[in-house]
Amino acid sequence: MQLDPTYAERRARLFELLRPLEGLAVAFSGGVDSSVLLHAVHTVLGERAVGLIADSPSLPRRELRAAHATARAIGARFEVLATREGEDERYRANAGDRCYFCKTALFEAMAAWAAGRGLAALAFGEIVDDALDDRPGARAAREFRVLAPLAEAGFGKADVRRYAREAGLSVWDRPASACLASRIPVGTRVSAERLARVEAAEDAVLRLGLRQVRVRDHGRGARLEVGADELPRARRLAAEIAAALGEAGFARYELAAYRAPAQRLATRETEG
C-alpha cells in the first residue's frame, strides 16, 4: 500500500530521531500511543530498548495484563516498576495537579532503573494532540528531560492508530484509557479504596459487553460514561448496570457519552 507523503515523512522522521540513541527506556502503559512508541524504538534499537510499566493501585489489573501481552507481541524487553505516588500527600489531595506528582513518581522510578543499567535516555508517548489538553504530567516530563519522539515527529492520534494497524498491533483501535485516579473528581481525596471500587465497577460493566467505559466516582453515586455509539445498548442494559454498580458500592448512577479531554476543551472554546 502506498503511504501518503505526509505520513511517510512523519514516520521516517520518527526513526531518524531514534537512530542516534544508544538506548532508551520507554514509559509503557499498553495504550496505543506508548505501544507505537515501544514498537518503533524496538524496531530501531532492538535490545537497547526497554518498556517500563508503572504498577500502582491506580493501574487496573486488566490494563497491566494487556500491557504484558502487547509488549510480548512486539517482542520488546519490558519490566514492571512499582511506583508509590499514593504515598505522596500532594497526589492524594487531588487538587488539580495530581498528574504532575504521579508522573514525577514514574519518572523518578524510571530514571533510577535506567541509570542502574546504563540507559541514559527516557521517553514517553506524548503526541501532538496532547497539547490541546492541560497535562501537568507533561511538565514533569520536561523537568526530567524525558523525550517525546512521537510528538517531535509530528504524530497525531490518526498517525499512531495507522502505524499500529500497519504494524499488526492489536491495540490499533483500542479506546483511549487513563489511570483510575482520573475518575475521582478534583478536590476529592484519592485513596486505594476508592480506586479499587472504581476498578471493580468498571470491570463489572465491561463484562456486560460494553467497550469504552468510565465510572466517575461521586460518592454514593456514579457517572457512567460509555462510547457515544454504545449509549443505546447501555440504556437497554440499565437494570444490569445498576446491579453491577450497586455491587461495587454505588447506590445510583447517571449515564453519559464519553468525550476525550481534547473534545471537552474544544466544546468549551466553542461555547465561550
C-alpha atoms as a PDB file:
ATOM      1  CA  MET A   1       0.000   0.000   0.000  1.00  0.00           C
ATOM      2  CA  GLN A   2       1.304   3.424  -0.970  1.00  0.00           C
ATOM      3  CA  LEU A   3       1.849   5.701   2.015  1.00  0.00           C
ATOM      4  CA  ASP A   4       0.743   9.286   1.639  1.00  0.00           C
ATOM      5  CA  PRO A   5       3.797  11.596   1.680  1.00  0.00           C
ATOM      6  CA  THR A   6       2.958  13.452   4.874  1.00  0.00           C
ATOM      7  CA  TYR A   7       2.520  10.327   6.971  1.00  0.00           C
ATOM      8  CA  ALA A   8       5.571   8.733   5.342  1.00  0.00           C
ATOM      9  CA  GLU A   9       7.635  11.787   6.226  1.00  0.00           C
ATOM     10  CA  ARG A  10       6.486  11.743   9.839  1.00  0.00           C
ATOM     11  CA  ARG A  11       7.224   8.040  10.139  1.00  0.00           C
ATOM     12  CA  ALA A  12      10.679   8.487   8.621  1.00  0.00           C
ATOM     13  CA  ARG A  13      11.319  11.410  10.950  1.00  0.00           C
ATOM     14  CA  LEU A  14      10.420   9.263  13.960  1.00  0.00           C
ATOM     15  CA  PHE A  15      13.010   6.649  13.002  1.00  0.00           C
ATOM     16  CA  GLU A  16      15.596   9.363  12.330  1.00  0.00           C
ATOM     17  CA  LEU A  17      15.098  10.724  15.837  1.00  0.00           C
ATOM     18  CA  LEU A  18      15.599   7.288  17.377  1.00  0.00           C
ATOM     19  CA  ARG A  19      18.654   6.058  15.456  1.00  0.00           C
ATOM     20  CA  PRO A  20      21.311   8.175  17.239  1.00  0.00           C
ATOM     21  CA  LEU A  21      20.206   6.989  20.689  1.00  0.00           C
ATOM     22  CA  GLU A  22      22.420   4.480  22.467  1.00  0.00           C
ATOM     23  CA  GLY A  23      19.499   3.122  24.471  1.00  0.00           C
ATOM     24  CA  LEU A  24      16.052   4.176  25.580  1.00  0.00           C
ATOM     25  CA  ALA A  25      13.645   3.377  28.427  1.00  0.00           C
ATOM     26  CA  VAL A  26      10.035   3.918  27.340  1.00  0.00           C
ATOM     27  CA  ALA A  27       7.192   4.702  29.743  1.00  0.00           C
ATOM     28  CA  PHE A  28       4.833   1.963  28.574  1.00  0.00           C
ATOM     29  CA  SER A  29       1.172   1.667  29.551  1.00  0.00           C
ATOM     30  CA  GLY A  30      -0.069  -0.649  26.821  1.00  0.00           C
ATOM     31  CA  GLY A  31      -2.201   2.065  25.216  1.00  0.00           C
ATOM     32  CA  VAL A  32      -1.913   2.789  21.519  1.00  0.00           C
ATOM     33  CA  ASP A  33       0.479   5.755  21.876  1.00  0.00           C
ATOM     34  CA  SER A  34       3.037   4.064  24.111  1.00  0.00           C
ATOM     35  CA  SER A  35       2.675   0.797  22.189  1.00  0.00           C
ATOM     36  CA  VAL A  36       3.539   2.545  18.928  1.00  0.00           C
ATOM     37  CA  LEU A  37       6.492   4.249  20.573  1.00  0.00           C
ATOM     38  CA  LEU A  38       7.779   0.988  22.047  1.00  0.00           C
ATOM     39  CA  HIS A  39       7.370  -0.766  18.676  1.00  0.00           C
ATOM     40  CA  ALA A  40       9.274   1.982  16.857  1.00  0.00           C
ATOM     41  CA  VAL A  41      12.037   2.096  19.475  1.00  0.00           C
ATOM     42  CA  HIS A  42      12.348  -1.694  19.446  1.00  0.00           C
ATOM     43  CA  THR A  43      12.459  -1.683  15.638  1.00  0.00           C
ATOM     44  CA  VAL A  44      15.330   0.806  15.609  1.00  0.00           C
ATOM     45  CA  LEU A  45      17.264  -0.048  18.780  1.00  0.00           C
ATOM     46  CA  GLY A  46      16.443  -3.706  19.388  1.00  0.00           C
ATOM     47  CA  GLU A  47      17.709  -4.925  22.762  1.00  0.00           C
ATOM     48  CA  ARG A  48      18.836  -1.397  23.626  1.00  0.00           C
ATOM     49  CA  ALA A  49      15.145  -0.514  24.098  1.00  0.00           C
ATOM     50  CA  VAL A  50      13.031  -1.461  27.097  1.00  0.00           C
ATOM     51  CA  GLY A  51       9.456  -0.698  28.075  1.00  0.00           C
ATOM     52  CA  LEU A  52       8.834   0.139  31.722  1.00  0.00           C
ATOM     53  CA  ILE A  53       5.317  -0.477  33.027  1.00  0.00           C
ATOM     54  CA  ALA A  54       4.467   1.522  36.157  1.00  0.00           C
ATOM     55  CA  ASP A  55       2.359  -0.500  38.581  1.00  0.00           C
ATOM     56  CA  SER A  56       0.342   1.013  41.434  1.00  0.00           C
ATOM     57  CA  PRO A  57      -3.269   0.920  42.722  1.00  0.00           C
ATOM     58  CA  SER A  58      -4.218   3.434  40.004  1.00  0.00           C
ATOM     59  CA  LEU A  59      -3.499   0.887  37.257  1.00  0.00           C
ATOM     60  CA  PRO A  60      -6.342  -1.575  36.573  1.00  0.00           C
ATOM     61  CA  ARG A  61      -5.247  -5.217  36.587  1.00  0.00           C
ATOM     62  CA  ARG A  62      -6.837  -5.628  33.161  1.00  0.00           C
ATOM     63  CA  GLU A  63      -4.573  -2.872  31.804  1.00  0.00           C
ATOM     64  CA  LEU A  64      -1.485  -4.491  33.314  1.00  0.00           C
ATOM     65  CA  ARG A  65      -2.347  -7.847  31.727  1.00  0.00           C
ATOM     66  CA  ALA A  66      -2.973  -6.160  28.367  1.00  0.00           C
ATOM     67  CA  ALA A  67       0.331  -4.277  28.559  1.00  0.00           C
ATOM     68  CA  HIS A  68       2.206  -7.512  29.205  1.00  0.00           C
ATOM     69  CA  ALA A  69       0.552  -9.121  26.182  1.00  0.00           C
ATOM     70  CA  THR A  70       1.305  -6.170  23.894  1.00  0.00           C
ATOM     71  CA  ALA A  71       4.957  -5.957  24.915  1.00  0.00           C
ATOM     72  CA  ARG A  72       5.356  -9.679  24.284  1.00  0.00           C
ATOM     73  CA  ALA A  73       3.684  -9.336  20.879  1.00  0.00           C
ATOM     74  CA  ILE A  74       6.109  -6.548  19.977  1.00  0.00           C
ATOM     75  CA  GLY A  75       8.995  -8.693  21.154  1.00  0.00           C
ATOM     76  CA  ALA A  76      10.438  -5.884  23.244  1.00  0.00           C
ATOM     77  CA  ARG A  77      12.114  -6.103  26.608  1.00  0.00           C
ATOM     78  CA  PHE A  78       9.865  -4.872  29.394  1.00  0.00           C
ATOM     79  CA  GLU A  79       9.911  -4.553  33.157  1.00  0.00           C
ATOM     80  CA  VAL A  80       7.287  -3.726  35.769  1.00  0.00           C
ATOM     81  CA  LEU A  81       8.207  -0.915  38.169  1.00  0.00           C
ATOM     82  CA  ALA A  82       6.316  -0.377  41.415  1.00  0.00           C
ATOM     83  CA  THR A  83       5.568   3.333  41.840  1.00  0.00           C
ATOM     84  CA  ARG A  84       4.471   4.910  45.105  1.00  0.00           C
ATOM     85  CA  GLU A  85       2.611   8.058  44.139  1.00  0.00           C
ATOM     86  CA  GLY A  86      -0.138   7.031  46.558  1.00  0.00           C
ATOM     87  CA  GLU A  87       2.219   7.745  49.438  1.00  0.00           C
ATOM     88  CA  ASP A  88       2.517  11.400  48.384  1.00  0.00           C
ATOM     89  CA  GLU A  89       0.024  13.618  50.217  1.00  0.00           C
ATOM     90  CA  ARG A  90       0.064  16.077  47.296  1.00  0.00           C
ATOM     91  CA  TYR A  91      -1.096  13.289  44.981  1.00  0.00           C
ATOM     92  CA  ARG A  92      -3.794  12.107  47.398  1.00  0.00           C
ATOM     93  CA  ALA A  93      -5.077  15.682  47.841  1.00  0.00           C
ATOM     94  CA  ASN A  94      -6.126  15.666  44.162  1.00  0.00           C
ATOM     95  CA  ALA A  95      -6.072  19.445  43.932  1.00  0.00           C
ATOM     96  CA  GLY A  96      -5.882  19.618  40.133  1.00  0.00           C
ATOM     97  CA  ASP A  97      -2.207  18.825  39.694  1.00  0.00           C
ATOM     98  CA  ARG A  98      -2.373  15.182  40.746  1.00  0.00           C
ATOM     99  CA  CYS A  99      -0.985  14.018  37.414  1.00  0.00           C
ATOM    100  CA  TYR A 100       2.187  16.034  37.974  1.00  0.00           C
ATOM    101  CA  PHE A 101       3.004  14.141  41.147  1.00  0.00           C
ATOM    102  CA  CYS A 102       2.049  10.822  39.542  1.00  0.00           C
ATOM    103  CA  LYS A 103       4.368  11.395  36.597  1.00  0.00           C
ATOM    104  CA  THR A 104       7.100  12.674  38.894  1.00  0.00           C
ATOM    105  CA  ALA A 105       6.959   9.370  40.785  1.00  0.00           C
ATOM    106  CA  LEU A 106       7.025   7.492  37.473  1.00  0.00           C
ATOM    107  CA  PHE A 107       9.994   9.348  36.019  1.00  0.00           C
ATOM    108  CA  GLU A 108      11.933   9.133  39.286  1.00  0.00           C
ATOM    109  CA  ALA A 109      11.483   5.353  39.277  1.00  0.00           C
ATOM    110  CA  MET A 110      12.343   5.110  35.576  1.00  0.00           C
ATOM    111  CA  ALA A 111      15.455   7.270  35.948  1.00  0.00           C
ATOM    112  CA  ALA A 112      16.741   5.184  38.849  1.00  0.00           C
ATOM    113  CA  TRP A 113      16.094   1.921  36.995  1.00  0.00           C
ATOM    114  CA  ALA A 114      17.673   3.169  33.765  1.00  0.00           C
ATOM    115  CA  ALA A 115      20.740   4.649  35.462  1.00  0.00           C
ATOM    116  CA  GLY A 116      21.497   1.308  37.055  1.00  0.00           C
ATOM    117  CA  ARG A 117      21.534  -0.325  33.640  1.00  0.00           C
ATOM    118  CA  GLY A 118      23.407   2.249  31.607  1.00  0.00           C
ATOM    119  CA  LEU A 119      20.407   3.735  29.808  1.00  0.00           C
ATOM    120  CA  ALA A 120      20.806   7.492  29.638  1.00  0.00           C
ATOM    121  CA  ALA A 121      17.515   8.461  27.976  1.00  0.00           C
ATOM    122  CA  LEU A 122      13.831   8.185  28.884  1.00  0.00           C
ATOM    123  CA  ALA A 123      10.837   8.627  26.582  1.00  0.00           C
ATOM    124  CA  PHE A 124       7.061   8.737  26.818  1.00  0.00           C
ATOM    125  CA  GLY A 125       4.226   8.526  24.323  1.00  0.00           C
ATOM    126  CA  GLU A 126       3.162  12.148  24.062  1.00  0.00           C
ATOM    127  CA  ILE A 127       1.596  13.081  20.699  1.00  0.00           C
ATOM    128  CA  VAL A 128       0.779  16.455  19.196  1.00  0.00           C
ATOM    129  CA  ASP A 129      -2.914  16.150  20.147  1.00  0.00           C
ATOM    130  CA  ASP A 130      -1.908  16.194  23.808  1.00  0.00           C
ATOM    131  CA  ALA A 131      -1.042  19.874  23.527  1.00  0.00           C
ATOM    132  CA  LEU A 132      -4.793  20.567  23.245  1.00  0.00           C
ATOM    133  CA  ASP A 133      -5.298  19.486  26.852  1.00  0.00           C
ATOM    134  CA  ASP A 134      -3.939  20.671  30.190  1.00  0.00           C
ATOM    135  CA  ARG A 135      -1.491  17.942  31.184  1.00  0.00           C
ATOM    136  CA  PRO A 136       0.513  18.603  34.346  1.00  0.00           C
ATOM    137  CA  GLY A 137       2.318  15.336  33.694  1.00  0.00           C
ATOM    138  CA  ALA A 138       3.968  16.904  30.654  1.00  0.00           C
ATOM    139  CA  ARG A 139       5.570  19.457  32.967  1.00  0.00           C
ATOM    140  CA  ALA A 140       7.124  16.636  34.972  1.00  0.00           C
ATOM    141  CA  ALA A 141       8.407  15.112  31.732  1.00  0.00           C
ATOM    142  CA  ARG A 142      10.141  18.341  30.807  1.00  0.00           C
ATOM    143  CA  GLU A 143      11.734  18.607  34.238  1.00  0.00           C
ATOM    144  CA  PHE A 144      13.171  15.094  33.881  1.00  0.00           C
ATOM    145  CA  ARG A 145      14.185  15.749  30.266  1.00  0.00           C
ATOM    146  CA  VAL A 146      12.014  12.898  29.051  1.00  0.00           C
ATOM    147  CA  LEU A 147      11.970  12.621  25.259  1.00  0.00           C
ATOM    148  CA  ALA A 148       8.713  12.724  23.292  1.00  0.00           C
ATOM    149  CA  PRO A 149       9.711  11.283  19.898  1.00  0.00           C
ATOM    150  CA  LEU A 150       6.157  10.856  18.597  1.00  0.00           C
ATOM    151  CA  ALA A 151       5.254  14.485  19.218  1.00  0.00           C
ATOM    152  CA  GLU A 152       8.595  15.688  17.895  1.00  0.00           C
ATOM    153  CA  ALA A 153       7.994  13.731  14.698  1.00  0.00           C
ATOM    154  CA  GLY A 154       4.544  15.301  14.370  1.00  0.00           C
ATOM    155  CA  PHE A 155       2.485  12.204  15.153  1.00  0.00           C
ATOM    156  CA  GLY A 156      -1.180  12.789  15.971  1.00  0.00           C
ATOM    157  CA  LYS A 157      -3.836  10.287  17.013  1.00  0.00           C
ATOM    158  CA  ALA A 158      -4.634   9.285  13.433  1.00  0.00           C
ATOM    159  CA  ASP A 159      -0.932   8.619  12.820  1.00  0.00           C
ATOM    160  CA  VAL A 160      -0.445   6.364  15.843  1.00  0.00           C
ATOM    161  CA  ARG A 161      -3.547   4.363  15.009  1.00  0.00           C
ATOM    162  CA  ARG A 162      -2.391   3.972  11.404  1.00  0.00           C
ATOM    163  CA  TYR A 163       1.105   2.952  12.488  1.00  0.00           C
ATOM    164  CA  ALA A 164      -0.315   0.438  14.970  1.00  0.00           C
ATOM    165  CA  ARG A 165      -2.697  -1.033  12.387  1.00  0.00           C
ATOM    166  CA  GLU A 166       0.027  -1.396   9.754  1.00  0.00           C
ATOM    167  CA  ALA A 167       2.404  -2.900  12.327  1.00  0.00           C
ATOM    168  CA  GLY A 168      -0.220  -5.504  13.250  1.00  0.00           C
ATOM    169  CA  LEU A 169      -0.645  -4.266  16.818  1.00  0.00           C
ATOM    170  CA  SER A 170      -3.977  -5.377  18.281  1.00  0.00           C
ATOM    171  CA  VAL A 171      -4.309  -2.082  20.180  1.00  0.00           C
ATOM    172  CA  TRP A 172      -4.686  -0.043  16.993  1.00  0.00           C
ATOM    173  CA  ASP A 173      -8.411   0.603  17.604  1.00  0.00           C
ATOM    174  CA  ARG A 174      -8.363   0.332  21.380  1.00  0.00           C
ATOM    175  CA  PRO A 175     -10.418   3.022  23.156  1.00  0.00           C
ATOM    176  CA  ALA A 176      -8.489   5.720  24.980  1.00  0.00           C
ATOM    177  CA  SER A 177      -7.565   4.836  28.546  1.00  0.00           C
ATOM    178  CA  ALA A 178      -6.404   6.701  31.628  1.00  0.00           C
ATOM    179  CA  CYS A 179      -5.466   5.863  35.196  1.00  0.00           C
ATOM    180  CA  LEU A 180      -8.188   5.065  37.726  1.00  0.00           C
ATOM    181  CA  ALA A 181      -7.444   8.254  39.673  1.00  0.00           C
ATOM    182  CA  SER A 182      -8.770  10.262  36.719  1.00  0.00           C
ATOM    183  CA  ARG A 183     -12.255   9.000  37.667  1.00  0.00           C
ATOM    184  CA  ILE A 184     -12.159  10.825  41.010  1.00  0.00           C
ATOM    185  CA  PRO A 185     -13.288  14.479  40.866  1.00  0.00           C
ATOM    186  CA  VAL A 186     -10.757  17.191  41.601  1.00  0.00           C
ATOM    187  CA  GLY A 187     -10.929  18.068  45.275  1.00  0.00           C
ATOM    188  CA  THR A 188     -11.923  14.555  46.339  1.00  0.00           C
ATOM    189  CA  ARG A 189      -9.089  12.698  48.017  1.00  0.00           C
ATOM    190  CA  VAL A 190      -7.601   9.733  46.191  1.00  0.00           C
ATOM    191  CA  SER A 191      -7.440   6.549  48.234  1.00  0.00           C
ATOM    192  CA  ALA A 192      -6.662   2.924  47.463  1.00  0.00           C
ATOM    193  CA  GLU A 193     -10.223   2.053  48.488  1.00  0.00           C
ATOM    194  CA  ARG A 194     -11.789   4.482  46.015  1.00  0.00           C
ATOM    195  CA  LEU A 195      -9.508   3.278  43.228  1.00  0.00           C
ATOM    196  CA  ALA A 196     -10.411  -0.344  43.949  1.00  0.00           C
ATOM    197  CA  ARG A 197     -14.133   0.471  43.926  1.00  0.00           C
ATOM    198  CA  VAL A 198     -13.886   2.210  40.568  1.00  0.00           C
ATOM    199  CA  GLU A 199     -11.885  -0.688  39.134  1.00  0.00           C
ATOM    200  CA  ALA A 200     -14.447  -3.241  40.351  1.00  0.00           C
ATOM    201  CA  ALA A 201     -17.306  -1.173  38.926  1.00  0.00           C
ATOM    202  CA  GLU A 202     -15.657  -0.785  35.520  1.00  0.00           C
ATOM    203  CA  ASP A 203     -14.758  -4.465  35.335  1.00  0.00           C
ATOM    204  CA  ALA A 204     -18.371  -5.369  36.068  1.00  0.00           C
ATOM    205  CA  VAL A 205     -19.739  -3.058  33.371  1.00  0.00           C
ATOM    206  CA  LEU A 206     -17.156  -4.240  30.846  1.00  0.00           C
ATOM    207  CA  ARG A 207     -18.311  -7.817  31.444  1.00  0.00           C
ATOM    208  CA  LEU A 208     -21.730  -6.760  30.164  1.00  0.00           C
ATOM    209  CA  GLY A 209     -20.168  -6.272  26.734  1.00  0.00           C
ATOM    210  CA  LEU A 210     -19.577  -2.519  26.635  1.00  0.00           C
ATOM    211  CA  ARG A 211     -16.205  -1.494  25.271  1.00  0.00           C
ATOM    212  CA  GLN A 212     -15.424   2.075  26.316  1.00  0.00           C
ATOM    213  CA  VAL A 213     -16.245   2.588  29.982  1.00  0.00           C
ATOM    214  CA  ARG A 214     -15.505   5.244  32.605  1.00  0.00           C
ATOM    215  CA  VAL A 215     -17.046   5.126  36.080  1.00  0.00           C
ATOM    216  CA  ARG A 216     -16.694   8.550  37.691  1.00  0.00           C
ATOM    217  CA  ASP A 217     -16.798   8.308  41.488  1.00  0.00           C
ATOM    218  CA  HIS A 218     -19.212  10.835  43.016  1.00  0.00           C
ATOM    219  CA  GLY A 219     -19.542   9.281  46.441  1.00  0.00           C
ATOM    220  CA  ARG A 220     -22.728   7.219  46.671  1.00  0.00           C
ATOM    221  CA  GLY A 221     -23.468   7.969  43.045  1.00  0.00           C
ATOM    222  CA  ALA A 222     -21.513   7.324  39.855  1.00  0.00           C
ATOM    223  CA  ARG A 223     -21.402   8.893  36.433  1.00  0.00           C
ATOM    224  CA  LEU A 224     -21.076   6.109  33.878  1.00  0.00           C
ATOM    225  CA  GLU A 225     -19.600   7.247  30.583  1.00  0.00           C
ATOM    226  CA  VAL A 226     -19.612   4.966  27.553  1.00  0.00           C
ATOM    227  CA  GLY A 227     -18.786   5.427  23.895  1.00  0.00           C
ATOM    228  CA  ALA A 228     -21.398   7.533  22.111  1.00  0.00           C
ATOM    229  CA  ASP A 229     -22.196   4.610  19.817  1.00  0.00           C
ATOM    230  CA  GLU A 230     -22.779   2.385  22.846  1.00  0.00           C
ATOM    231  CA  LEU A 231     -25.381   4.589  24.537  1.00  0.00           C
ATOM    232  CA  PRO A 232     -28.404   2.703  23.110  1.00  0.00           C
ATOM    233  CA  ARG A 233     -27.016  -0.617  24.330  1.00  0.00           C
ATOM    234  CA  ALA A 234     -26.200   0.862  27.734  1.00  0.00           C
ATOM    235  CA  ARG A 235     -29.765   2.110  28.076  1.00  0.00           C
ATOM    236  CA  ARG A 236     -31.093  -1.375  27.306  1.00  0.00           C
ATOM    237  CA  LEU A 237     -28.784  -2.759  29.997  1.00  0.00           C
ATOM    238  CA  ALA A 238     -29.925  -0.253  32.627  1.00  0.00           C
ATOM    239  CA  ALA A 239     -31.027  -2.892  35.157  1.00  0.00           C
ATOM    240  CA  GLU A 240     -27.884  -4.976  34.745  1.00  0.00           C
ATOM    241  CA  ILE A 241     -25.674  -1.881  35.022  1.00  0.00           C
ATOM    242  CA  ALA A 242     -27.455  -0.703  38.157  1.00  0.00           C
ATOM    243  CA  ALA A 243     -26.910  -4.123  39.741  1.00  0.00           C
ATOM    244  CA  ALA A 244     -23.246  -4.198  38.728  1.00  0.00           C
ATOM    245  CA  LEU A 245     -22.563  -0.727  40.079  1.00  0.00           C
ATOM    246  CA  GLY A 246     -24.567  -1.494  43.201  1.00  0.00           C
ATOM    247  CA  GLU A 247     -22.331  -4.459  43.975  1.00  0.00           C
ATOM    248  CA  ALA A 248     -19.346  -2.098  43.754  1.00  0.00           C
ATOM    249  CA  GLY A 249     -20.957   0.257  46.258  1.00  0.00           C
ATOM    250  CA  PHE A 250     -22.711   2.852  44.099  1.00  0.00           C
ATOM    251  CA  ALA A 251     -26.349   3.419  45.041  1.00  0.00           C
ATOM    252  CA  ARG A 252     -27.259   5.238  41.822  1.00  0.00           C
ATOM    253  CA  TYR A 253     -25.768   6.310  38.507  1.00  0.00           C
ATOM    254  CA  GLU A 254     -26.246   8.664  35.596  1.00  0.00           C
ATOM    255  CA  LEU A 255     -25.377   7.711  32.025  1.00  0.00           C
ATOM    256  CA  ALA A 256     -23.470   9.920  29.583  1.00  0.00           C
ATOM    257  CA  ALA A 257     -21.364   9.707  26.445  1.00  0.00           C
ATOM    258  CA  TYR A 258     -17.622   9.636  26.977  1.00  0.00           C
ATOM    259  CA  ARG A 259     -15.717  12.564  25.493  1.00  0.00           C
ATOM    260  CA  ALA A 260     -11.937  12.742  25.379  1.00  0.00           C
ATOM    261  CA  PRO A 261     -10.303  15.699  27.178  1.00  0.00           C
ATOM    262  CA  ALA A 262      -9.465  17.401  23.878  1.00  0.00           C
ATOM    263  CA  GLN A 263     -13.122  17.124  22.810  1.00  0.00           C
ATOM    264  CA  ARG A 264     -14.285  18.684  26.079  1.00  0.00           C
ATOM    265  CA  LEU A 265     -11.816  21.535  25.650  1.00  0.00           C
ATOM    266  CA  ALA A 266     -12.934  22.162  22.067  1.00  0.00           C
ATOM    267  CA  THR A 267     -16.561  22.272  23.222  1.00  0.00           C
ATOM    268  CA  ARG A 268     -15.753  24.800  25.966  1.00  0.00           C
ATOM    269  CA  GLU A 269     -13.903  27.009  23.479  1.00  0.00           C
ATOM    270  CA  THR A 270     -16.804  26.880  21.014  1.00  0.00           C
ATOM    271  CA  GLU A 271     -19.343  27.677  23.712  1.00  0.00           C
ATOM    272  CA  GLY A 272     -17.130  30.500  25.071  1.00  0.00           C
END
